[in-house]
Amino acid sequence: MLEKIRVIFTIPELRRKILLTLFLLAVYRVGWQIPLPVIDHQAVSDYASNAGGTFGAFLQKVSVFSASRLNQVTIFGLGIMPYITASIILQLMGSVYKPLEELRKEGEAGRKKINEYTRYLTVVLCLIQSTAFLWYVVMNDAANGAPGAGNMTDALFENPETGKLLLSWQFASVLIMTCGSVFLMWLGEQIDEYGIGNGISLLIMAGIVAAMPGALYDFLQEFRPELRGFGDVGIEKLVAMVAIFVAVVVGVVFITLAQRRIPTQSQKHVRGNRVYGGTKQYMPLRINQAGVMPIIFAGSLLMIPAVVFDFFGQRLGDKNIFGIFFRNAQSLFSSSGSMFYTLAYVLMIYFFCYFWTAISFNPKEISQNFQNSGTFIPGYRPGKRTADYLEAVMERITYVGAGFLALVAVVPTVVSEWLQVSPTVANFYGGTGLLIAVSVAFDLVQKIDSHLVMRNYTGLLD
């Protein structure tokens, strides 16, 4: 392995790509630590973790998926979630909006135009999300009398000049967070073009990997090298955590590589005395076609009802039936160990798996391309029968992929309840965070391997 690493850095182009990628990731980590000015960050942090426990859990979950630090209000507080959201919106619109669908078919020129629209939409989403976030955290923090924040609503009416100053700083904070998110989008694009690997995915992985040592340190702080039973942090619990870690890594690699190979054959063409075509090939269909996106969507969206119900429940209190209703509804969505939450989580993962596969895999278009190129699947006529067969196969393998994602998604809950460890530790070392980190790292290794094999070197996976 050391020899393979040495070979990697002896290739000038590959060495330049890797070093540039590491430098850009280092820039991201530096900006990740820079807080917004004028805001009492300790008060905001206390509010996110204590006063608004449900909202704090939402911020923590979104931060894992978006390479952000929302609970500390930094210049990269929004992360790259607005860019991901804009990309998904335009991708969905490309399936139902005819002009965007035509742009997708124009090749490289159409892709550049869609990327331009994605950037514009990202800026709009950044402005909306940063404004909403600052209003909910800072304004709500001020309204609850957090130390150092002051009551902004009273200041606006009692002292117009002070109110104007506060509004100007809030406007500046919105612009700073917007610029920070746009800068992260630019970093990701630079990694895509001049570095190695998928830039956006690497930013998310960098945030997850950077938080893993802290979670491990918190776990080992309570560890005692003796048999203490699963109630305490002893040898049994450490062995169980290591076993879960290895099992999830092996499962992620297996599902990432798993394919359903559809046999295809090209038609024979006779030209003079020679026969062309007739070759047999395979069309690989990934078992997990949707990647980690269903878990990201399901986990984030499932937290929104808890935040909304908690917001109204705090304001209405327990004095009327509506306040009691919101309190009870919030407890259903905020308790990750409840049967209702787990069932809703699994169902949403299945839904988004099929939904994402439906918009990214078009059996009719593939069948049409087969027909135009003279390729067919043995035993199935070109056209509708081929499309129906591909759709049926994709439905079956998507069910398996969604089942694996659902299993990985509920692992942190099981680990947290069974082993009595913090949800942060369970999520990083036996769940979604580990799934994202391993998937992105595996994709990066494959890209490095392609450079090595192209130059007749042995790949890292060989």
Protein backbone atom coordinates (compact mmCIF):
# COMPACT_ATOMS: atom_id res chain seq x y z
CA MET A 1 0.00 0.00 0.00
CA LEU A 2 2.84 2.40 0.78
CA GLU A 3 4.32 1.67 -2.64
CA LYS A 4 0.99 2.46 -4.31
CA ILE A 5 0.76 5.76 -2.42
CA ARG A 6 4.30 6.59 -3.52
CA VAL A 7 3.34 5.88 -7.14
CA ILE A 8 0.35 8.20 -6.85
CA PHE A 9 2.57 11.16 -5.93
CA THR A 10 5.10 10.35 -8.67
CA ILE A 11 2.48 11.14 -11.35
CA PRO A 12 2.64 14.95 -11.78
CA GLU A 13 -0.95 15.46 -12.95
CA LEU A 14 -2.47 13.24 -10.26
CA ARG A 15 -0.25 14.77 -7.56
CA ARG A 16 -1.34 18.26 -8.60
CA LYS A 17 -5.02 17.29 -8.50
CA ILE A 18 -4.75 15.71 -5.04
CA LEU A 19 -2.78 18.59 -3.51
CA LEU A 20 -5.20 21.16 -4.95
CA THR A 21 -8.15 19.21 -3.58
CA LEU A 22 -6.56 19.03 -0.13
CA PHE A 23 -5.83 22.77 -0.21
CA LEU A 24 -9.41 23.67 -1.13
CA LEU A 25 -10.75 21.38 1.60
CA ALA A 26 -8.41 23.11 4.06
CA VAL A 27 -9.83 26.48 2.97
CA TYR A 28 -13.30 25.14 3.68
CA ARG A 29 -12.30 23.97 7.15
CA VAL A 30 -10.80 27.39 7.98
CA GLY A 31 -13.96 29.22 6.92
CA TRP A 32 -16.03 26.67 8.83
CA GLN A 33 -14.55 28.08 12.06
CA ILE A 34 -15.10 31.81 11.34
CA PRO A 35 -18.20 33.12 13.17
CA LEU A 36 -20.54 35.86 12.04
CA PRO A 37 -19.78 39.24 13.65
CA VAL A 38 -21.89 40.98 16.33
CA ILE A 39 -23.95 37.86 17.21
CA ASP A 40 -23.68 36.39 20.70
CA HIS A 41 -22.62 32.92 19.61
CA GLN A 42 -22.70 31.42 23.09
CA ALA A 43 -26.31 32.50 23.52
CA VAL A 44 -27.27 31.10 20.13
CA SER A 45 -25.47 27.83 20.85
CA ASP A 46 -27.17 27.51 24.24
CA TYR A 47 -30.53 28.19 22.65
CA ALA A 48 -30.00 25.59 19.89
CA SER A 49 -28.88 22.88 22.31
CA ASN A 50 -31.01 23.63 25.38
CA ALA A 51 -33.91 26.04 24.93
CA GLY A 52 -34.79 24.61 21.54
CA GLY A 53 -33.89 20.94 21.88
CA THR A 54 -35.97 19.89 18.88
CA PHE A 55 -34.62 22.71 16.76
CA GLY A 56 -31.10 21.88 17.97
CA ALA A 57 -31.54 18.27 16.82
CA PHE A 58 -32.76 19.54 13.46
CA LEU A 59 -29.70 21.78 13.12
CA GLN A 60 -27.40 18.91 14.02
CA LYS A 61 -28.98 16.57 11.46
CA VAL A 62 -28.93 19.15 8.68
CA SER A 63 -25.33 20.07 9.53
CA VAL A 64 -24.22 16.48 8.94
CA PHE A 65 -25.70 16.47 5.44
CA SER A 66 -24.82 20.00 4.35
CA ALA A 67 -21.19 20.53 5.45
CA SER A 68 -22.39 23.39 7.65
CA ARG A 69 -22.29 24.58 11.25
CA LEU A 70 -25.72 26.06 11.77
CA ASN A 71 -25.74 25.82 15.56
CA GLN A 72 -22.69 28.13 15.76
CA VAL A 73 -23.73 30.67 13.06
CA THR A 74 -20.51 30.81 11.04
CA ILE A 75 -19.91 32.34 7.61
CA PHE A 76 -20.36 28.85 6.14
CA GLY A 77 -23.42 28.29 8.31
CA LEU A 78 -25.70 27.29 5.44
CA GLY A 79 -23.16 24.91 3.95
CA ILE A 80 -23.88 23.67 0.44
CA MET A 81 -27.47 22.62 1.18
CA PRO A 82 -28.93 25.53 -0.87
CA TYR A 83 -26.89 24.40 -3.88
CA ILE A 84 -28.01 20.78 -3.43
CA THR A 85 -31.62 21.91 -3.07
CA ALA A 86 -31.39 24.08 -6.21
CA SER A 87 -29.87 21.19 -8.19
CA ILE A 88 -32.64 18.85 -7.09
CA ILE A 89 -35.38 21.37 -7.89
CA LEU A 90 -34.08 21.91 -11.42
CA GLN A 91 -33.61 18.19 -11.92
CA LEU A 92 -37.21 17.57 -10.89
CA MET A 93 -38.44 20.41 -13.08
CA GLY A 94 -36.48 18.92 -15.98
CA SER A 95 -38.83 15.93 -15.87
CA VAL A 96 -42.05 17.97 -16.06
CA TYR A 97 -41.06 21.35 -17.60
CA LYS A 98 -40.58 21.08 -21.35
CA PRO A 99 -37.94 23.85 -21.90
CA LEU A 100 -35.67 22.37 -19.22
CA GLU A 101 -36.17 18.91 -20.67
CA GLU A 102 -35.08 20.20 -24.07
CA LEU A 103 -32.01 21.84 -22.49
CA ARG A 104 -30.99 18.50 -20.95
CA LYS A 105 -31.01 16.95 -24.43
CA GLU A 106 -28.70 19.61 -25.91
CA GLY A 107 -25.58 18.05 -24.44
CA GLU A 108 -22.75 20.16 -23.03
CA ALA A 109 -24.32 23.51 -23.98
CA GLY A 110 -27.57 22.61 -22.28
CA ARG A 111 -25.76 21.36 -19.18
CA LYS A 112 -23.88 24.67 -18.86
CA LYS A 113 -27.13 26.60 -19.13
CA ILE A 114 -28.78 24.47 -16.45
CA ASN A 115 -25.73 24.98 -14.20
CA GLU A 116 -26.13 28.73 -14.67
CA TYR A 117 -29.78 28.53 -13.62
CA THR A 118 -28.74 26.40 -10.64
CA ARG A 119 -26.35 29.11 -9.44
CA TYR A 120 -29.02 31.80 -9.68
CA LEU A 121 -31.52 29.66 -7.78
CA THR A 122 -28.85 28.89 -5.17
CA VAL A 123 -28.43 32.60 -4.42
CA VAL A 124 -32.19 33.03 -4.01
CA LEU A 125 -32.41 30.04 -1.68
CA CYS A 126 -29.43 31.31 0.32
CA LEU A 127 -31.14 34.66 0.91
CA ILE A 128 -34.38 32.98 1.98
CA GLN A 129 -32.77 30.33 4.20
CA SER A 130 -30.31 32.68 5.90
CA THR A 131 -33.07 35.21 6.63
CA ALA A 132 -35.37 32.52 8.03
CA PHE A 133 -32.58 30.97 10.08
CA LEU A 134 -31.43 34.25 11.62
CA TRP A 135 -35.00 35.24 12.37
CA TYR A 136 -35.80 31.94 14.07
CA VAL A 137 -32.59 31.58 16.09
CA VAL A 138 -31.49 35.17 16.78
CA MET A 139 -34.91 36.83 17.00
CA ASN A 140 -36.43 33.98 18.98
CA ASP A 141 -33.33 33.95 21.18
CA ALA A 142 -33.78 37.68 21.81
CA ALA A 143 -37.49 37.30 22.49
CA ASN A 144 -36.74 34.69 25.14
CA GLY A 145 -34.29 37.01 26.88
CA ALA A 146 -31.05 35.22 26.04
CA PRO A 147 -28.01 36.87 27.58
CA GLY A 148 -26.40 39.52 25.47
CA ALA A 149 -29.05 39.49 22.77
CA GLY A 150 -31.55 42.13 23.88
CA ASN A 151 -35.13 42.43 22.71
CA MET A 152 -34.93 43.41 19.05
CA THR A 153 -38.67 43.98 18.69
CA ASP A 154 -38.75 46.63 21.45
CA ALA A 155 -35.62 48.29 20.08
CA LEU A 156 -37.26 48.76 16.67
CA PHE A 157 -40.06 50.80 18.17
CA GLU A 158 -38.46 52.49 21.18
CA ASN A 159 -35.16 53.51 19.58
CA PRO A 160 -35.34 53.82 15.77
CA GLU A 161 -31.62 54.49 15.42
CA THR A 162 -30.69 51.36 17.39
CA GLY A 163 -33.29 49.39 15.47
CA LYS A 164 -31.79 50.57 12.20
CA LEU A 165 -28.36 49.46 13.37
CA LEU A 166 -29.67 46.04 14.33
CA LEU A 167 -31.44 45.64 10.99
CA SER A 168 -28.31 46.67 9.12
CA TRP A 169 -26.27 44.02 10.95
CA GLN A 170 -28.93 41.43 10.29
CA PHE A 171 -28.88 42.34 6.60
CA ALA A 172 -25.08 42.11 6.61
CA SER A 173 -25.27 38.68 8.28
CA VAL A 174 -27.66 37.46 5.58
CA LEU A 175 -25.28 38.64 2.86
CA ILE A 176 -22.27 37.06 4.60
CA MET A 177 -23.98 33.69 4.95
CA THR A 178 -25.15 33.89 1.33
CA CYS A 179 -21.65 34.71 0.09
CA GLY A 180 -20.23 31.90 2.22
CA SER A 181 -22.58 29.34 0.70
CA VAL A 182 -21.89 30.62 -2.83
CA PHE A 183 -18.17 30.42 -2.11
CA LEU A 184 -18.57 26.77 -1.05
CA MET A 185 -20.42 26.13 -4.31
CA TRP A 186 -17.47 27.65 -6.16
CA LEU A 187 -15.04 25.49 -4.16
CA GLY A 188 -16.95 22.39 -5.13
CA GLU A 189 -16.88 23.37 -8.80
CA GLN A 190 -13.13 24.01 -8.65
CA ILE A 191 -12.57 20.54 -7.19
CA ASP A 192 -14.73 19.04 -9.96
CA GLU A 193 -12.79 20.83 -12.70
CA TYR A 194 -9.21 20.97 -11.43
CA GLY A 195 -9.09 18.54 -8.50
CA ILE A 196 -10.17 14.95 -8.10
CA GLY A 197 -13.48 13.54 -6.92
CA ASN A 198 -16.91 15.10 -6.61
CA GLY A 199 -16.43 18.50 -4.97
CA ILE A 200 -19.79 18.78 -3.21
CA SER A 201 -19.60 15.23 -1.87
CA LEU A 202 -16.05 15.79 -0.63
CA LEU A 203 -17.14 18.92 1.28
CA ILE A 204 -19.87 16.91 3.01
CA MET A 205 -17.44 14.08 3.78
CA ALA A 206 -14.88 16.55 5.15
CA GLY A 207 -17.43 17.89 7.62
CA ILE A 208 -18.41 14.38 8.73
CA VAL A 209 -14.84 13.11 9.07
CA ALA A 210 -13.79 16.23 11.01
CA ALA A 211 -16.55 15.61 13.56
CA MET A 212 -15.79 11.89 13.98
CA PRO A 213 -12.73 12.27 16.25
CA GLY A 214 -14.72 14.43 18.67
CA ALA A 215 -17.51 11.85 18.83
CA LEU A 216 -14.97 9.07 19.39
CA TYR A 217 -13.21 11.11 22.10
CA ASP A 218 -16.49 11.62 23.97
CA PHE A 219 -17.12 7.88 23.79
CA LEU A 220 -13.64 6.92 25.00
CA GLN A 221 -13.81 9.43 27.86
CA GLU A 222 -16.21 7.09 29.63
CA PHE A 223 -14.46 3.87 28.58
CA ARG A 224 -13.02 1.58 31.25
CA PRO A 225 -10.85 -1.39 30.15
CA GLU A 226 -12.87 -4.00 32.05
CA LEU A 227 -16.01 -6.09 31.75
CA ARG A 228 -18.81 -3.81 32.91
CA GLY A 229 -21.85 -5.06 30.96
CA PHE A 230 -23.70 -3.09 28.31
CA GLY A 231 -24.98 -0.60 30.86
CA ASP A 232 -21.53 1.02 31.17
CA VAL A 233 -18.79 1.82 28.66
CA GLY A 234 -16.67 -1.30 29.03
CA ILE A 235 -14.98 -3.82 26.76
CA GLU A 236 -18.31 -5.34 25.65
CA LYS A 237 -19.65 -2.03 24.42
CA LEU A 238 -16.39 -1.15 22.65
CA VAL A 239 -16.34 -4.52 20.86
CA ALA A 240 -19.97 -4.06 19.82
CA MET A 241 -19.28 -0.57 18.43
CA VAL A 242 -16.27 -1.84 16.45
CA ALA A 243 -18.33 -4.74 15.08
CA ILE A 244 -21.11 -2.39 13.98
CA PHE A 245 -18.55 -0.08 12.38
CA VAL A 246 -17.01 -2.93 10.36
CA ALA A 247 -20.43 -4.33 9.40
CA VAL A 248 -21.68 -0.98 8.09
CA VAL A 249 -18.45 -0.39 6.12
CA VAL A 250 -18.62 -3.86 4.55
CA GLY A 251 -22.32 -3.42 3.76
CA VAL A 252 -21.81 0.00 2.16
CA VAL A 253 -18.98 -1.28 -0.05
CA PHE A 254 -21.02 -4.34 -1.02
CA ILE A 255 -24.13 -2.34 -1.95
CA THR A 256 -22.05 0.31 -3.73
CA LEU A 257 -20.45 -2.34 -5.96
CA ALA A 258 -23.59 -4.47 -6.35
CA GLN A 259 -25.03 -4.50 -9.86
CA ARG A 260 -27.76 -6.25 -11.78
CA ARG A 261 -26.28 -7.02 -15.18
CA ILE A 262 -28.77 -7.04 -18.03
CA PRO A 263 -27.45 -9.03 -21.04
CA THR A 264 -27.60 -7.11 -24.33
CA GLN A 265 -26.69 -8.02 -27.87
CA SER A 266 -26.13 -5.89 -30.96
CA GLN A 267 -27.57 -6.80 -34.33
CA LYS A 268 -25.39 -8.28 -37.03
CA HIS A 269 -24.63 -6.25 -40.14
CA VAL A 270 -23.29 -7.85 -43.31
CA ARG A 271 -21.10 -5.65 -45.47
CA GLY A 272 -19.57 -7.45 -48.40
CA ASN A 273 -17.93 -10.59 -47.10
CA ARG A 274 -17.67 -9.34 -43.51
CA VAL A 275 -20.11 -9.57 -40.63
CA TYR A 276 -20.17 -6.74 -38.11
CA GLY A 277 -21.90 -6.55 -34.74
CA GLY A 278 -23.52 -9.44 -32.94
CA THR A 279 -21.41 -8.87 -29.82
CA LYS A 280 -22.79 -9.70 -26.38
CA GLN A 281 -22.44 -7.16 -23.61
CA TYR A 282 -24.00 -6.22 -20.28
CA MET A 283 -25.87 -3.14 -19.10
CA PRO A 284 -25.07 -2.68 -15.37
CA LEU A 285 -27.88 -1.42 -13.13
CA ARG A 286 -26.79 -0.28 -9.68
CA ILE A 287 -28.66 -1.81 -6.76
CA ASN A 288 -28.57 1.48 -4.90
CA GLN A 289 -29.40 3.81 -7.78
CA ALA A 290 -30.39 6.72 -5.50
CA GLY A 291 -27.20 6.79 -3.40
CA VAL A 292 -27.53 8.52 -0.01
CA MET A 293 -30.05 11.15 -1.13
CA PRO A 294 -33.15 9.29 0.22
CA ILE A 295 -31.66 9.24 3.74
CA ILE A 296 -30.75 12.93 3.51
CA PHE A 297 -34.25 13.91 2.38
CA ALA A 298 -36.10 11.60 4.76
CA GLY A 299 -34.03 12.57 7.80
CA SER A 300 -34.27 16.30 7.14
CA LEU A 301 -37.95 16.42 6.20
CA LEU A 302 -38.98 14.24 9.13
CA MET A 303 -37.51 16.83 11.50
CA ILE A 304 -39.52 19.71 10.02
CA PRO A 305 -42.88 18.70 11.63
CA ALA A 306 -41.14 18.41 15.01
CA VAL A 307 -39.71 21.94 14.67
CA VAL A 308 -43.05 23.40 13.55
CA PHE A 309 -45.06 21.65 16.28
CA ASP A 310 -42.48 22.64 18.90
CA PHE A 311 -42.66 26.29 17.77
CA PHE A 312 -46.45 26.48 18.10
CA GLY A 313 -46.48 24.33 21.24
CA GLN A 314 -44.14 26.72 23.06
CA ARG A 315 -46.23 29.75 22.14
CA LEU A 316 -49.65 28.27 22.90
CA GLY A 317 -48.53 26.40 26.02
CA ASP A 318 -50.78 23.91 27.81
CA LYS A 319 -53.64 26.34 28.40
CA ASN A 320 -55.81 25.22 25.46
CA ILE A 321 -56.45 22.11 23.41
CA PHE A 322 -54.35 23.32 20.47
CA GLY A 323 -51.24 23.74 22.63
CA ILE A 324 -51.68 20.22 24.04
CA PHE A 325 -52.17 18.86 20.51
CA PHE A 326 -48.97 20.46 19.24
CA ARG A 327 -47.04 19.21 22.27
CA ASN A 328 -48.19 15.62 21.71
CA ALA A 329 -47.59 15.79 17.96
CA GLN A 330 -44.10 17.18 18.55
CA SER A 331 -43.24 14.28 20.87
CA LEU A 332 -44.14 11.77 18.13
CA PHE A 333 -41.72 13.30 15.62
CA SER A 334 -38.93 14.26 18.03
CA SER A 335 -38.49 10.86 19.68
CA SER A 336 -36.24 8.96 17.27
CA GLY A 337 -36.62 5.77 19.31
CA SER A 338 -40.42 5.60 18.99
CA MET A 339 -42.09 3.08 16.72
CA PHE A 340 -43.99 5.84 14.89
CA TYR A 341 -40.82 7.77 14.08
CA THR A 342 -38.93 4.67 12.92
CA LEU A 343 -41.81 3.49 10.73
CA ALA A 344 -42.25 6.95 9.17
CA TYR A 345 -38.48 7.16 8.58
CA VAL A 346 -38.38 3.79 6.78
CA LEU A 347 -41.45 4.58 4.65
CA MET A 348 -40.00 7.95 3.60
CA ILE A 349 -36.70 6.31 2.65
CA TYR A 350 -38.54 3.83 0.42
CA PHE A 351 -40.58 6.63 -1.10
CA PHE A 352 -37.55 8.77 -1.93
CA CYS A 353 -35.62 5.76 -3.26
CA TYR A 354 -38.33 5.03 -5.80
CA PHE A 355 -38.90 8.71 -6.47
CA TRP A 356 -35.21 9.45 -7.10
CA THR A 357 -34.84 6.34 -9.27
CA ALA A 358 -37.90 7.34 -11.29
CA ILE A 359 -36.45 10.74 -12.20
CA SER A 360 -32.90 9.49 -12.85
CA PHE A 361 -33.66 6.24 -14.69
CA ASN A 362 -35.86 6.42 -17.79
CA PRO A 363 -36.54 2.94 -19.23
CA LYS A 364 -38.41 4.35 -22.26
CA GLU A 365 -35.45 6.53 -23.23
CA ILE A 366 -33.01 3.63 -22.76
CA SER A 367 -35.23 1.38 -24.86
CA GLN A 368 -35.37 4.01 -27.58
CA ASN A 369 -31.58 4.34 -27.56
CA PHE A 370 -31.26 0.56 -27.86
CA GLN A 371 -33.59 0.56 -30.82
CA ASN A 372 -31.74 3.38 -32.56
CA SER A 373 -28.35 1.71 -32.09
CA GLY A 374 -29.49 -1.75 -33.10
CA THR A 375 -29.09 -3.24 -29.61
CA PHE A 376 -31.64 -5.51 -27.95
CA ILE A 377 -32.15 -7.61 -24.83
CA PRO A 378 -32.42 -11.31 -25.78
CA GLY A 379 -36.00 -12.54 -25.35
CA TYR A 380 -37.59 -9.07 -25.43
CA ARG A 381 -38.77 -7.08 -28.41
CA PRO A 382 -37.33 -3.58 -28.82
CA GLY A 383 -39.66 -0.81 -27.69
CA LYS A 384 -42.38 -1.17 -25.06
CA ARG A 385 -41.55 -4.72 -23.96
CA THR A 386 -37.92 -3.80 -23.36
CA ALA A 387 -38.95 -0.69 -21.41
CA ASP A 388 -41.41 -2.70 -19.29
CA TYR A 389 -38.74 -5.30 -18.55
CA LEU A 390 -36.18 -2.68 -17.50
CA GLU A 391 -38.76 -0.95 -15.31
CA ALA A 392 -39.70 -4.23 -13.60
CA VAL A 393 -36.05 -5.08 -12.93
CA MET A 394 -35.35 -1.61 -11.55
CA GLU A 395 -38.37 -1.81 -9.23
CA ARG A 396 -37.12 -5.07 -7.73
CA ILE A 397 -33.52 -4.00 -7.20
CA THR A 398 -34.61 -0.59 -5.86
CA TYR A 399 -36.60 -2.42 -3.19
CA VAL A 400 -33.40 -4.17 -2.08
CA GLY A 401 -31.37 -0.95 -2.14
CA ALA A 402 -34.04 0.92 -0.17
CA GLY A 403 -34.11 -1.89 2.40
CA PHE A 404 -30.38 -1.54 2.93
CA LEU A 405 -30.62 2.25 3.31
CA ALA A 406 -33.48 1.83 5.79
CA LEU A 407 -31.41 -0.66 7.79
CA VAL A 408 -28.44 1.72 7.92
CA ALA A 409 -30.73 4.62 8.85
CA VAL A 410 -32.20 2.87 11.90
CA VAL A 411 -28.82 1.54 13.12
CA PRO A 412 -28.04 4.74 15.13
CA THR A 413 -31.38 4.48 16.92
CA VAL A 414 -30.82 0.82 17.77
CA VAL A 415 -27.24 1.46 18.86
CA SER A 416 -28.22 4.46 20.98
CA GLU A 417 -31.06 2.59 22.71
CA TRP A 418 -29.33 -0.80 23.06
CA LEU A 419 -25.79 0.29 23.93
CA GLN A 420 -26.84 3.48 25.76
CA VAL A 421 -24.46 5.77 23.87
CA SER A 422 -25.11 9.31 22.70
CA PRO A 423 -26.93 9.71 19.37
CA THR A 424 -23.96 11.68 18.01
CA VAL A 425 -21.59 8.75 18.54
CA ALA A 426 -24.11 6.25 17.17
CA ASN A 427 -24.77 8.34 14.05
CA PHE A 428 -21.11 8.80 13.14
CA TYR A 429 -19.92 5.26 13.86
CA GLY A 430 -22.88 3.17 12.85
CA GLY A 431 -25.25 5.05 10.60
CA THR A 432 -25.83 7.74 8.01
CA GLY A 433 -22.64 9.72 8.59
CA LEU A 434 -20.56 6.59 8.12
CA LEU A 435 -22.56 5.65 5.02
CA ILE A 436 -21.89 9.02 3.38
CA ALA A 437 -18.20 9.04 4.34
CA VAL A 438 -17.54 5.50 3.06
CA SER A 439 -19.50 6.03 -0.17
CA VAL A 440 -17.67 9.26 -1.04
CA ALA A 441 -14.28 7.81 -0.06
CA PHE A 442 -14.91 4.75 -2.23
CA ASP A 443 -15.86 6.95 -5.18
CA LEU A 444 -12.65 8.97 -4.67
CA VAL A 445 -10.53 5.79 -4.65
CA GLN A 446 -12.17 4.66 -7.88
CA LYS A 447 -11.31 7.96 -9.56
CA ILE A 448 -7.68 7.69 -8.41
CA ASP A 449 -7.63 4.11 -9.70
CA SER A 450 -8.76 5.27 -13.14
CA HIS A 451 -5.70 7.55 -13.34
CA LEU A 452 -3.38 4.73 -12.26
CA VAL A 453 -4.82 2.13 -14.63
CA MET A 454 -4.67 4.59 -17.53
CA ARG A 455 -0.90 4.81 -16.95
CA ASN A 456 -0.50 1.00 -16.61
CA TYR A 457 -0.14 1.04 -12.82
CA THR A 458 -1.88 -1.27 -10.38
CA GLY A 459 -4.96 0.29 -8.81
CA LEU A 460 -5.49 0.80 -5.09
CA LEU A 461 -8.33 -1.75 -5.07
CA ASP A 462 -6.32 -4.47 -6.86
